[in-house]
Amino acid sequence: MQETPETPDTSDSPTTLENPEVAYTYGARTIIPAAPGTIAIVLHCDYPKNERPTIEDVSTHETFVIAWRIVYGYVPTPIFIDRIYGDDEMTWRLRLPDGRLTWPGVADYANLDEAKDHYLQDHQYMWDAKRSQSTAAELHAPPKPTAPPETYEE
């Protein structure tokens, strides 16, 4: 009689993230080194809230990508050699060897100016949307109460 290797019982799945099998299943973060010389362009748009953003409000910073953070089910996120802005205040594009820029899986740009224009359009769209929402809210708001007229008793 030939013996077969024992198959582990998987009917009861683990319930804690401390178990490596669960961490793998649900997407433990993995950090992998970036290819040497991987350059990212960090874009940032800083403008007064009461003024629509212009191209002068868009700044750029070139930095190296030293690694990629990969979480199962998500797009890889670059880890930069330096940190200029908070994560919610910027975006990034990769510089390709021929000078073009790419936003992987979303858009490719012929040059930095084209990438800045696209980034500015996104911020202008968000600014316009917020402004139209606040204007619409003002139009539909109930009238503000007014003080009753003063009466004089003689």
C-alpha atoms as a PDB file:
ATOM      1  CA  MET A   1       0.000   0.000   0.000  1.00  0.00           C
ATOM      2  CA  GLN A   2       1.402   3.368  -1.040  1.00  0.00           C
ATOM      3  CA  GLU A   3       1.223   6.206   1.457  1.00  0.00           C
ATOM      4  CA  THR A   4       0.126   9.633   0.316  1.00  0.00           C
ATOM      5  CA  PRO A   5       1.401  12.793   1.933  1.00  0.00           C
ATOM      6  CA  GLU A   6      -0.956  14.247   4.464  1.00  0.00           C
ATOM      7  CA  THR A   7      -2.890  17.265   3.249  1.00  0.00           C
ATOM      8  CA  PRO A   8      -3.286  19.989   5.855  1.00  0.00           C
ATOM      9  CA  ASP A   9      -6.828  20.645   7.051  1.00  0.00           C
ATOM     10  CA  THR A  10      -7.947  24.018   5.668  1.00  0.00           C
ATOM     11  CA  SER A  11     -11.591  23.825   6.647  1.00  0.00           C
ATOM     12  CA  ASP A  12     -11.061  26.269   9.527  1.00  0.00           C
ATOM     13  CA  SER A  13      -9.487  29.404   8.132  1.00  0.00           C
ATOM     14  CA  PRO A  14      -7.340  31.437  10.517  1.00  0.00           C
ATOM     15  CA  THR A  15      -9.005  34.518  11.938  1.00  0.00           C
ATOM     16  CA  THR A  16      -6.142  36.782  12.984  1.00  0.00           C
ATOM     17  CA  LEU A  17      -3.751  38.854  10.912  1.00  0.00           C
ATOM     18  CA  GLU A  18      -0.888  37.646  13.083  1.00  0.00           C
ATOM     19  CA  ASN A  19      -0.997  34.372  11.187  1.00  0.00           C
ATOM     20  CA  PRO A  20       1.287  34.660   8.114  1.00  0.00           C
ATOM     21  CA  GLU A  21      -1.167  32.731   5.931  1.00  0.00           C
ATOM     22  CA  VAL A  22      -3.864  35.315   6.600  1.00  0.00           C
ATOM     23  CA  ALA A  23      -1.482  38.209   6.076  1.00  0.00           C
ATOM     24  CA  TYR A  24      -0.592  36.775   2.687  1.00  0.00           C
ATOM     25  CA  THR A  25      -4.226  36.188   1.820  1.00  0.00           C
ATOM     26  CA  TYR A  26      -5.373  39.684   2.764  1.00  0.00           C
ATOM     27  CA  GLY A  27      -2.383  41.527   1.344  1.00  0.00           C
ATOM     28  CA  ALA A  28       0.522  42.044   3.682  1.00  0.00           C
ATOM     29  CA  ARG A  29       2.573  44.998   2.600  1.00  0.00           C
ATOM     30  CA  THR A  30       5.627  44.123   0.629  1.00  0.00           C
ATOM     31  CA  ILE A  31       8.513  46.476  -0.052  1.00  0.00           C
ATOM     32  CA  ILE A  32      10.696  45.777  -3.063  1.00  0.00           C
ATOM     33  CA  PRO A  33      13.695  47.824  -4.211  1.00  0.00           C
ATOM     34  CA  ALA A  34      13.212  50.066  -7.223  1.00  0.00           C
ATOM     35  CA  ALA A  35      15.436  49.772 -10.266  1.00  0.00           C
ATOM     36  CA  PRO A  36      18.512  51.981  -9.888  1.00  0.00           C
ATOM     37  CA  GLY A  37      17.961  55.415 -11.375  1.00  0.00           C
ATOM     38  CA  THR A  38      14.152  55.366 -11.177  1.00  0.00           C
ATOM     39  CA  ILE A  39      13.153  59.037 -11.125  1.00  0.00           C
ATOM     40  CA  ALA A  40       9.802  60.445 -10.103  1.00  0.00           C
ATOM     41  CA  ILE A  41       8.501  63.939 -10.627  1.00  0.00           C
ATOM     42  CA  VAL A  42       6.438  65.074  -7.642  1.00  0.00           C
ATOM     43  CA  LEU A  43       3.706  67.578  -8.550  1.00  0.00           C
ATOM     44  CA  HIS A  44       2.096  69.898  -6.036  1.00  0.00           C
ATOM     45  CA  CYS A  45      -0.532  72.627  -6.464  1.00  0.00           C
ATOM     46  CA  ASP A  46      -0.648  75.294  -3.793  1.00  0.00           C
ATOM     47  CA  TYR A  47      -3.180  78.084  -4.304  1.00  0.00           C
ATOM     48  CA  PRO A  48      -5.366  80.368  -2.205  1.00  0.00           C
ATOM     49  CA  LYS A  49      -8.777  78.808  -1.570  1.00  0.00           C
ATOM     50  CA  ASN A  50     -10.584  81.866  -2.916  1.00  0.00           C
ATOM     51  CA  GLU A  51      -8.681  81.930  -6.236  1.00  0.00           C
ATOM     52  CA  ARG A  52      -8.824  79.421  -9.086  1.00  0.00           C
ATOM     53  CA  PRO A  53      -5.468  77.647  -9.491  1.00  0.00           C
ATOM     54  CA  THR A  54      -3.164  78.655 -12.344  1.00  0.00           C
ATOM     55  CA  ILE A  55      -0.072  77.053 -13.860  1.00  0.00           C
ATOM     56  CA  GLU A  56       2.061  79.289 -11.617  1.00  0.00           C
ATOM     57  CA  ASP A  57       0.592  77.437  -8.604  1.00  0.00           C
ATOM     58  CA  VAL A  58       1.915  74.061  -9.806  1.00  0.00           C
ATOM     59  CA  SER A  59       5.386  73.195  -8.561  1.00  0.00           C
ATOM     60  CA  THR A  60       7.522  70.169  -9.345  1.00  0.00           C
ATOM     61  CA  HIS A  61      10.323  68.361  -7.585  1.00  0.00           C
ATOM     62  CA  GLU A  62      12.491  65.608  -9.030  1.00  0.00           C
ATOM     63  CA  THR A  63      13.405  62.784  -6.675  1.00  0.00           C
ATOM     64  CA  PHE A  64      14.554  59.170  -6.753  1.00  0.00           C
ATOM     65  CA  VAL A  65      12.263  56.213  -6.135  1.00  0.00           C
ATOM     66  CA  ILE A  66      14.154  53.907  -3.796  1.00  0.00           C
ATOM     67  CA  ALA A  67      11.499  51.216  -3.392  1.00  0.00           C
ATOM     68  CA  TRP A  68       7.903  50.253  -4.127  1.00  0.00           C
ATOM     69  CA  ARG A  69       5.261  49.473  -1.508  1.00  0.00           C
ATOM     70  CA  ILE A  70       2.990  46.765  -2.830  1.00  0.00           C
ATOM     71  CA  VAL A  71      -0.245  45.803  -1.137  1.00  0.00           C
ATOM     72  CA  TYR A  72      -2.319  43.010  -2.631  1.00  0.00           C
ATOM     73  CA  GLY A  73      -5.107  44.460  -4.746  1.00  0.00           C
ATOM     74  CA  TYR A  74      -3.670  47.986  -4.907  1.00  0.00           C
ATOM     75  CA  VAL A  75      -1.406  49.900  -7.255  1.00  0.00           C
ATOM     76  CA  PRO A  76       2.259  49.936  -6.188  1.00  0.00           C
ATOM     77  CA  THR A  77       3.182  53.133  -4.341  1.00  0.00           C
ATOM     78  CA  PRO A  78       6.640  54.649  -4.713  1.00  0.00           C
ATOM     79  CA  ILE A  79       8.827  55.309  -1.703  1.00  0.00           C
ATOM     80  CA  PHE A  80      10.896  58.431  -2.356  1.00  0.00           C
ATOM     81  CA  ILE A  81      14.398  59.164  -1.142  1.00  0.00           C
ATOM     82  CA  ASP A  82      13.069  62.415   0.333  1.00  0.00           C
ATOM     83  CA  ARG A  83       9.659  63.627   1.431  1.00  0.00           C
ATOM     84  CA  ILE A  84       8.575  67.065   0.342  1.00  0.00           C
ATOM     85  CA  TYR A  85       4.802  67.173   0.865  1.00  0.00           C
ATOM     86  CA  GLY A  86       2.160  65.153   2.685  1.00  0.00           C
ATOM     87  CA  ASP A  87       0.758  62.275   0.655  1.00  0.00           C
ATOM     88  CA  ASP A  88      -2.625  63.936   0.172  1.00  0.00           C
ATOM     89  CA  GLU A  89      -1.058  67.172  -1.105  1.00  0.00           C
ATOM     90  CA  MET A  90       0.864  65.806  -4.075  1.00  0.00           C
ATOM     91  CA  THR A  91       0.981  63.318  -6.894  1.00  0.00           C
ATOM     92  CA  TRP A  92       3.797  61.758  -8.860  1.00  0.00           C
ATOM     93  CA  ARG A  93       4.755  60.757 -12.368  1.00  0.00           C
ATOM     94  CA  LEU A  94       7.666  58.588 -13.485  1.00  0.00           C
ATOM     95  CA  ARG A  95      10.305  59.990 -15.819  1.00  0.00           C
ATOM     96  CA  LEU A  96      11.079  57.571 -18.650  1.00  0.00           C
ATOM     97  CA  PRO A  97      14.580  57.318 -20.153  1.00  0.00           C
ATOM     98  CA  ASP A  98      13.475  59.200 -23.304  1.00  0.00           C
ATOM     99  CA  GLY A  99      12.226  62.196 -21.273  1.00  0.00           C
ATOM    100  CA  ARG A 100       8.532  61.368 -21.437  1.00  0.00           C
ATOM    101  CA  LEU A 101       6.560  61.037 -18.208  1.00  0.00           C
ATOM    102  CA  THR A 102       4.050  58.380 -17.266  1.00  0.00           C
ATOM    103  CA  TRP A 103       1.348  57.921 -14.692  1.00  0.00           C
ATOM    104  CA  PRO A 104       1.342  54.111 -14.877  1.00  0.00           C
ATOM    105  CA  GLY A 105      -1.929  52.719 -16.121  1.00  0.00           C
ATOM    106  CA  VAL A 106      -3.525  56.163 -16.427  1.00  0.00           C
ATOM    107  CA  ALA A 107      -1.723  58.507 -18.830  1.00  0.00           C
ATOM    108  CA  ASP A 108       1.507  59.167 -20.680  1.00  0.00           C
ATOM    109  CA  TYR A 109       2.891  62.653 -21.280  1.00  0.00           C
ATOM    110  CA  ALA A 110       5.281  63.930 -23.947  1.00  0.00           C
ATOM    111  CA  ASN A 111       7.035  66.218 -21.460  1.00  0.00           C
ATOM    112  CA  LEU A 112       6.831  67.847 -18.037  1.00  0.00           C
ATOM    113  CA  ASP A 113       4.716  70.771 -19.259  1.00  0.00           C
ATOM    114  CA  GLU A 114       2.021  68.406 -20.525  1.00  0.00           C
ATOM    115  CA  ALA A 115       1.981  66.567 -17.176  1.00  0.00           C
ATOM    116  CA  LYS A 116       1.717  69.883 -15.292  1.00  0.00           C
ATOM    117  CA  ASP A 117      -1.174  71.000 -17.525  1.00  0.00           C
ATOM    118  CA  HIS A 118      -3.080  67.778 -16.838  1.00  0.00           C
ATOM    119  CA  TYR A 119      -2.458  68.066 -13.091  1.00  0.00           C
ATOM    120  CA  LEU A 120      -3.605  71.716 -13.156  1.00  0.00           C
ATOM    121  CA  GLN A 121      -6.796  70.762 -15.034  1.00  0.00           C
ATOM    122  CA  ASP A 122      -7.611  68.263 -12.279  1.00  0.00           C
ATOM    123  CA  HIS A 123      -7.187  70.937  -9.592  1.00  0.00           C
ATOM    124  CA  GLN A 124      -9.213  73.483 -11.561  1.00  0.00           C
ATOM    125  CA  TYR A 125     -11.985  70.917 -11.969  1.00  0.00           C
ATOM    126  CA  MET A 126     -12.006  70.259  -8.203  1.00  0.00           C
ATOM    127  CA  TRP A 127     -11.968  74.010  -7.464  1.00  0.00           C
ATOM    128  CA  ASP A 128     -14.860  74.619  -9.904  1.00  0.00           C
ATOM    129  CA  ALA A 129     -16.859  71.734  -8.406  1.00  0.00           C
ATOM    130  CA  LYS A 130     -16.423  73.007  -4.839  1.00  0.00           C
ATOM    131  CA  ARG A 131     -17.361  76.528  -5.899  1.00  0.00           C
ATOM    132  CA  SER A 132     -20.485  75.367  -7.742  1.00  0.00           C
ATOM    133  CA  GLN A 133     -21.532  73.259  -4.727  1.00  0.00           C
ATOM    134  CA  SER A 134     -21.190  76.201  -2.352  1.00  0.00           C
ATOM    135  CA  THR A 135     -23.039  78.508  -4.776  1.00  0.00           C
ATOM    136  CA  ALA A 136     -25.858  75.963  -5.146  1.00  0.00           C
ATOM    137  CA  ALA A 137     -26.036  75.574  -1.371  1.00  0.00           C
ATOM    138  CA  GLU A 138     -26.332  79.338  -0.960  1.00  0.00           C
ATOM    139  CA  LEU A 139     -29.165  79.493  -3.523  1.00  0.00           C
ATOM    140  CA  HIS A 140     -31.131  76.732  -1.770  1.00  0.00           C
ATOM    141  CA  ALA A 141     -30.452  77.889   1.764  1.00  0.00           C
ATOM    142  CA  PRO A 142     -33.422  79.129   3.781  1.00  0.00           C
ATOM    143  CA  PRO A 143     -33.601  82.894   4.163  1.00  0.00           C
ATOM    144  CA  LYS A 144     -31.686  84.287   7.069  1.00  0.00           C
ATOM    145  CA  PRO A 145     -33.892  85.598   9.840  1.00  0.00           C
ATOM    146  CA  THR A 146     -34.086  89.328  10.142  1.00  0.00           C
ATOM    147  CA  ALA A 147     -34.526  91.284  13.306  1.00  0.00           C
ATOM    148  CA  PRO A 148     -38.094  92.449  13.928  1.00  0.00           C
ATOM    149  CA  PRO A 149     -38.637  96.160  13.442  1.00  0.00           C
ATOM    150  CA  GLU A 150     -38.192  98.229  16.543  1.00  0.00           C
ATOM    151  CA  THR A 151     -41.385  99.609  17.988  1.00  0.00           C
ATOM    152  CA  TYR A 152     -41.573 102.707  20.074  1.00  0.00           C
ATOM    153  CA  GLU A 153     -44.071 103.146  22.781  1.00  0.00           C
ATOM    154  CA  GLU A 154     -44.934 106.653  23.818  1.00  0.00           C
END
